[in-house]
Amino acid sequence: MLQSGVEERLRETHLWDGFLYPAYDSFCFANVPHTVASLLGAETGRTLPDEVLVPFAACRLSALRE
C-alpha cells in the first residue's frame, strides 16, 4: 500500500543543497531487518515507523487466530 505524503515529508526534512539524504531514523532500508526481527520478538535496533506496518496489522491478527 502506497503511503501518500511520505515522499513529501522526507523531501521537507532530508533535502539539503539539492541532495536527498537517507532518513536513517525512520524510512530507511537499513531498518528493514530490525523491523522483521522485532516482529519475531527480538529487539536488534532501529525499526521502521509503526505507520509502515498498519496495512499489515489485519493480516497479522488473522494469522494469529488460525
Protein backbone atom coordinates (compact mmCIF):
# COMPACT_ATOMS: atom_id res chain seq x y z
CA MET A 1 0.00 0.00 0.00
CA LEU A 2 1.35 3.38 -1.01
CA GLN A 3 1.66 5.87 1.81
CA SER A 4 0.97 9.24 0.23
CA GLY A 5 2.70 12.10 1.93
CA VAL A 6 5.82 10.18 2.98
CA GLU A 7 7.82 11.38 -0.01
CA GLU A 8 6.83 14.97 0.65
CA ARG A 9 7.75 14.72 4.35
CA LEU A 10 11.12 13.17 3.52
CA ARG A 11 11.88 15.90 0.99
CA GLU A 12 10.98 18.56 3.55
CA THR A 13 13.24 17.11 6.22
CA HIS A 14 16.10 15.47 4.31
CA LEU A 15 16.75 17.66 1.26
CA TRP A 16 19.82 19.90 1.60
CA ASP A 17 21.65 21.75 -1.17
CA GLY A 18 19.82 19.71 -3.83
CA PHE A 19 20.74 16.34 -2.28
CA LEU A 20 18.22 14.00 -0.71
CA TYR A 21 19.82 12.31 2.28
CA PRO A 22 18.68 8.98 3.79
CA ALA A 23 16.18 9.06 6.62
CA TYR A 24 18.26 6.81 8.87
CA ASP A 25 15.99 7.47 11.84
CA SER A 26 12.80 6.34 10.08
CA PHE A 27 12.19 5.32 6.47
CA CYS A 28 15.48 3.64 5.62
CA PHE A 29 16.16 0.25 4.06
CA ALA A 30 18.71 -0.35 6.80
CA ASN A 31 15.83 -0.51 9.29
CA VAL A 32 14.02 -3.36 7.48
CA PRO A 33 15.98 -6.24 9.10
CA HIS A 34 15.46 -4.73 12.56
CA THR A 35 11.74 -4.38 11.83
CA VAL A 36 11.48 -8.04 10.83
CA ALA A 37 13.39 -9.08 13.95
CA SER A 38 11.07 -7.02 16.12
CA LEU A 39 8.05 -8.75 14.58
CA LEU A 40 9.64 -12.03 15.66
CA GLY A 41 10.13 -10.75 19.20
CA ALA A 42 13.79 -9.67 19.09
CA GLU A 43 14.88 -6.08 19.57
CA THR A 44 18.00 -5.51 17.47
CA GLY A 45 17.97 -1.81 16.65
CA ARG A 46 16.06 0.94 14.88
CA THR A 47 12.86 -0.17 13.19
CA LEU A 48 10.68 1.34 10.50
CA PRO A 49 7.95 3.68 11.79
CA ASP A 50 4.81 1.98 13.09
CA GLU A 51 2.78 3.53 10.27
CA VAL A 52 4.59 1.22 7.82
CA LEU A 53 3.06 -1.84 9.45
CA VAL A 54 -0.51 -0.53 9.78
CA PRO A 55 -1.66 -2.00 6.43
CA PHE A 56 -0.40 -5.41 7.56
CA ALA A 57 -1.96 -5.37 11.03
CA ALA A 58 -5.14 -7.15 9.88
CA CYS A 59 -3.07 -9.87 8.22
CA ARG A 60 -1.05 -10.46 11.37
CA LEU A 61 -4.17 -10.68 13.52
CA SER A 62 -5.92 -13.11 11.19
CA ALA A 63 -2.82 -15.29 11.03
CA LEU A 64 -2.66 -15.44 14.83
CA ARG A 65 -6.29 -16.53 15.03
CA GLU A 66 -5.80 -19.52 12.74
